[in-house]
């Protein structure tokens, strides 16, 4: 059974395999929906480095399509694509670009999760 701690508002703020000194804890069974939701939220990737993003574009075969899309955008978008050190999943440029590539939200999440592993 995992040990969990909760914030003042009652939300889970930690899941541990062992008791943690100085934390009020409770036990929840493995597979508890609250524990699963907390762990899944922790796994969600919200940003990746430019290197990770570009390597993932290459692996997905999207480099040329994305560069063509970027070339049709305003100067700020072009500069952001070229010079950003980090790509943030929910930034306006990312949202617009992934929509133009026909990606759904799950595909975007999967793309960022895979990129974070590179």
C-alpha atoms as a PDB file:
ATOM      1  CA  UNK A   1       0.000   0.000   0.000  1.00  0.00           C
ATOM      2  CA  UNK A   2       1.347   3.435  -0.806  1.00  0.00           C
ATOM      3  CA  UNK A   3       1.770   6.071   1.862  1.00  0.00           C
ATOM      4  CA  UNK A   4       0.263   9.387   0.800  1.00  0.00           C
ATOM      5  CA  UNK A   5       0.328  12.883   2.203  1.00  0.00           C
ATOM      6  CA  UNK A   6      -2.226  15.574   1.560  1.00  0.00           C
ATOM      7  CA  UNK A   7      -2.005  19.342   1.233  1.00  0.00           C
ATOM      8  CA  UNK A   8      -4.077  21.688   3.387  1.00  0.00           C
ATOM      9  CA  UNK A   9      -6.887  21.587   0.801  1.00  0.00           C
ATOM     10  CA  UNK A  10      -7.004  17.780   0.947  1.00  0.00           C
ATOM     11  CA  UNK A  11      -5.344  17.081  -2.409  1.00  0.00           C
ATOM     12  CA  UNK A  12      -2.675  14.394  -2.536  1.00  0.00           C
ATOM     13  CA  UNK A  13       0.720  16.082  -2.607  1.00  0.00           C
ATOM     14  CA  UNK A  14       2.967  13.042  -2.321  1.00  0.00           C
ATOM     15  CA  UNK A  15       2.972   9.281  -2.799  1.00  0.00           C
ATOM     16  CA  UNK A  16       5.716   7.302  -1.060  1.00  0.00           C
ATOM     17  CA  UNK A  17       6.791   3.697  -0.689  1.00  0.00           C
ATOM     18  CA  UNK A  18       8.001   4.293   2.884  1.00  0.00           C
ATOM     19  CA  UNK A  19       6.694   6.525   5.682  1.00  0.00           C
ATOM     20  CA  UNK A  20       8.178  10.038   5.503  1.00  0.00           C
ATOM     21  CA  UNK A  21       9.357  11.680   8.714  1.00  0.00           C
ATOM     22  CA  UNK A  22       7.469  14.857   9.549  1.00  0.00           C
ATOM     23  CA  UNK A  23       4.510  14.115   7.239  1.00  0.00           C
ATOM     24  CA  UNK A  24       0.983  13.188   8.223  1.00  0.00           C
ATOM     25  CA  UNK A  25       0.195  10.150   6.120  1.00  0.00           C
ATOM     26  CA  UNK A  26      -2.540   7.728   5.325  1.00  0.00           C
ATOM     27  CA  UNK A  27      -2.670   4.454   3.487  1.00  0.00           C
ATOM     28  CA  UNK A  28      -4.577   3.995   0.258  1.00  0.00           C
ATOM     29  CA  UNK A  29      -4.765   0.737  -1.653  1.00  0.00           C
ATOM     30  CA  UNK A  30      -2.712   0.314  -4.799  1.00  0.00           C
ATOM     31  CA  UNK A  31      -4.968   1.221  -7.700  1.00  0.00           C
ATOM     32  CA  UNK A  32      -6.873   3.864  -5.728  1.00  0.00           C
ATOM     33  CA  UNK A  33      -8.217   6.369  -8.298  1.00  0.00           C
ATOM     34  CA  UNK A  34      -6.824   9.353  -6.362  1.00  0.00           C
ATOM     35  CA  UNK A  35      -3.327   7.832  -6.290  1.00  0.00           C
ATOM     36  CA  UNK A  36      -3.487   6.953  -9.999  1.00  0.00           C
ATOM     37  CA  UNK A  37      -4.612  10.484 -10.898  1.00  0.00           C
ATOM     38  CA  UNK A  38      -1.776  12.011  -8.834  1.00  0.00           C
ATOM     39  CA  UNK A  39       0.838   9.741 -10.404  1.00  0.00           C
ATOM     40  CA  UNK A  40      -0.466  10.346 -13.933  1.00  0.00           C
ATOM     41  CA  UNK A  41      -0.398  14.118 -13.409  1.00  0.00           C
ATOM     42  CA  UNK A  42       3.214  13.833 -12.283  1.00  0.00           C
ATOM     43  CA  UNK A  43       4.045  11.988 -15.509  1.00  0.00           C
ATOM     44  CA  UNK A  44       2.529  14.617 -17.785  1.00  0.00           C
ATOM     45  CA  UNK A  45       5.261  16.421 -19.642  1.00  0.00           C
ATOM     46  CA  UNK A  46       4.564  20.111 -20.182  1.00  0.00           C
ATOM     47  CA  UNK A  47       7.820  21.141 -21.869  1.00  0.00           C
ATOM     48  CA  UNK A  48      10.934  19.707 -23.500  1.00  0.00           C
ATOM     49  CA  UNK A  49      14.264  21.120 -24.596  1.00  0.00           C
ATOM     50  CA  UNK A  50      14.695  22.333 -28.160  1.00  0.00           C
ATOM     51  CA  UNK A  51      17.032  19.397 -28.762  1.00  0.00           C
ATOM     52  CA  UNK A  52      14.435  16.885 -27.551  1.00  0.00           C
ATOM     53  CA  UNK A  53      11.692  18.545 -29.587  1.00  0.00           C
ATOM     54  CA  UNK A  54      13.691  18.609 -32.813  1.00  0.00           C
ATOM     55  CA  UNK A  55      14.925  15.026 -32.402  1.00  0.00           C
ATOM     56  CA  UNK A  56      11.324  13.907 -31.878  1.00  0.00           C
ATOM     57  CA  UNK A  57      10.229  15.813 -34.995  1.00  0.00           C
ATOM     58  CA  UNK A  58      12.906  13.977 -36.948  1.00  0.00           C
ATOM     59  CA  UNK A  59      11.949  10.569 -35.529  1.00  0.00           C
ATOM     60  CA  UNK A  60       8.284  11.253 -36.323  1.00  0.00           C
ATOM     61  CA  UNK A  61       9.133  12.279 -39.892  1.00  0.00           C
ATOM     62  CA  UNK A  62       7.714  15.760 -39.355  1.00  0.00           C
ATOM     63  CA  UNK A  63      10.749  18.019 -39.814  1.00  0.00           C
ATOM     64  CA  UNK A  64       9.938  19.139 -43.355  1.00  0.00           C
ATOM     65  CA  UNK A  65       6.196  19.611 -42.702  1.00  0.00           C
ATOM     66  CA  UNK A  66       6.847  21.627 -39.551  1.00  0.00           C
ATOM     67  CA  UNK A  67       9.508  23.784 -41.204  1.00  0.00           C
ATOM     68  CA  UNK A  68       7.101  24.482 -44.078  1.00  0.00           C
ATOM     69  CA  UNK A  69       4.376  25.477 -41.623  1.00  0.00           C
ATOM     70  CA  UNK A  70       6.753  27.695 -39.628  1.00  0.00           C
ATOM     71  CA  UNK A  71       7.918  29.431 -42.832  1.00  0.00           C
ATOM     72  CA  UNK A  72       4.306  30.555 -43.431  1.00  0.00           C
ATOM     73  CA  UNK A  73       3.944  32.075 -39.938  1.00  0.00           C
ATOM     74  CA  UNK A  74       4.756  35.566 -38.659  1.00  0.00           C
ATOM     75  CA  UNK A  75       8.302  36.573 -37.756  1.00  0.00           C
ATOM     76  CA  UNK A  76       7.846  36.046 -34.025  1.00  0.00           C
ATOM     77  CA  UNK A  77       6.701  32.463 -34.550  1.00  0.00           C
ATOM     78  CA  UNK A  78       9.622  31.838 -36.889  1.00  0.00           C
ATOM     79  CA  UNK A  79      12.059  33.270 -34.320  1.00  0.00           C
ATOM     80  CA  UNK A  80      10.458  31.268 -31.506  1.00  0.00           C
ATOM     81  CA  UNK A  81      10.839  28.036 -33.473  1.00  0.00           C
ATOM     82  CA  UNK A  82      14.419  28.819 -34.448  1.00  0.00           C
ATOM     83  CA  UNK A  83      15.770  30.186 -31.169  1.00  0.00           C
ATOM     84  CA  UNK A  84      13.710  28.804 -28.282  1.00  0.00           C
ATOM     85  CA  UNK A  85      15.637  26.706 -25.799  1.00  0.00           C
ATOM     86  CA  UNK A  86      12.440  25.093 -24.522  1.00  0.00           C
ATOM     87  CA  UNK A  87       9.211  24.118 -26.241  1.00  0.00           C
ATOM     88  CA  UNK A  88       6.126  24.418 -24.016  1.00  0.00           C
ATOM     89  CA  UNK A  89       3.243  22.143 -24.938  1.00  0.00           C
ATOM     90  CA  UNK A  90       0.417  24.591 -24.274  1.00  0.00           C
ATOM     91  CA  UNK A  91       2.046  27.689 -25.791  1.00  0.00           C
ATOM     92  CA  UNK A  92       0.058  29.317 -28.617  1.00  0.00           C
ATOM     93  CA  UNK A  93       2.712  28.360 -31.194  1.00  0.00           C
ATOM     94  CA  UNK A  94       2.633  24.698 -30.133  1.00  0.00           C
ATOM     95  CA  UNK A  95      -1.160  24.540 -30.038  1.00  0.00           C
ATOM     96  CA  UNK A  96      -1.427  26.083 -33.518  1.00  0.00           C
ATOM     97  CA  UNK A  97       1.381  23.990 -34.971  1.00  0.00           C
ATOM     98  CA  UNK A  98       0.076  20.678 -33.680  1.00  0.00           C
ATOM     99  CA  UNK A  99      -3.429  21.555 -34.878  1.00  0.00           C
ATOM    100  CA  UNK A 100      -2.015  22.318 -38.334  1.00  0.00           C
ATOM    101  CA  UNK A 101      -0.327  18.906 -38.314  1.00  0.00           C
ATOM    102  CA  UNK A 102      -3.664  17.279 -37.443  1.00  0.00           C
ATOM    103  CA  UNK A 103      -2.666  16.146 -33.949  1.00  0.00           C
ATOM    104  CA  UNK A 104      -5.261  15.461 -31.276  1.00  0.00           C
ATOM    105  CA  UNK A 105      -4.537  16.143 -27.589  1.00  0.00           C
ATOM    106  CA  UNK A 106      -3.498  12.540 -26.862  1.00  0.00           C
ATOM    107  CA  UNK A 107      -1.065  12.614 -29.797  1.00  0.00           C
ATOM    108  CA  UNK A 108       0.447  15.869 -28.494  1.00  0.00           C
ATOM    109  CA  UNK A 109       0.797  14.361 -25.016  1.00  0.00           C
ATOM    110  CA  UNK A 110       2.406  11.251 -26.485  1.00  0.00           C
ATOM    111  CA  UNK A 111       4.781  13.359 -28.594  1.00  0.00           C
ATOM    112  CA  UNK A 112       5.980  15.338 -25.564  1.00  0.00           C
ATOM    113  CA  UNK A 113       6.253  12.230 -23.393  1.00  0.00           C
ATOM    114  CA  UNK A 114       8.380  10.504 -26.028  1.00  0.00           C
ATOM    115  CA  UNK A 115      10.482  13.637 -26.600  1.00  0.00           C
ATOM    116  CA  UNK A 116      11.198  13.913 -22.876  1.00  0.00           C
ATOM    117  CA  UNK A 117      12.869  10.494 -23.035  1.00  0.00           C
ATOM    118  CA  UNK A 118      15.409  11.621 -25.667  1.00  0.00           C
END
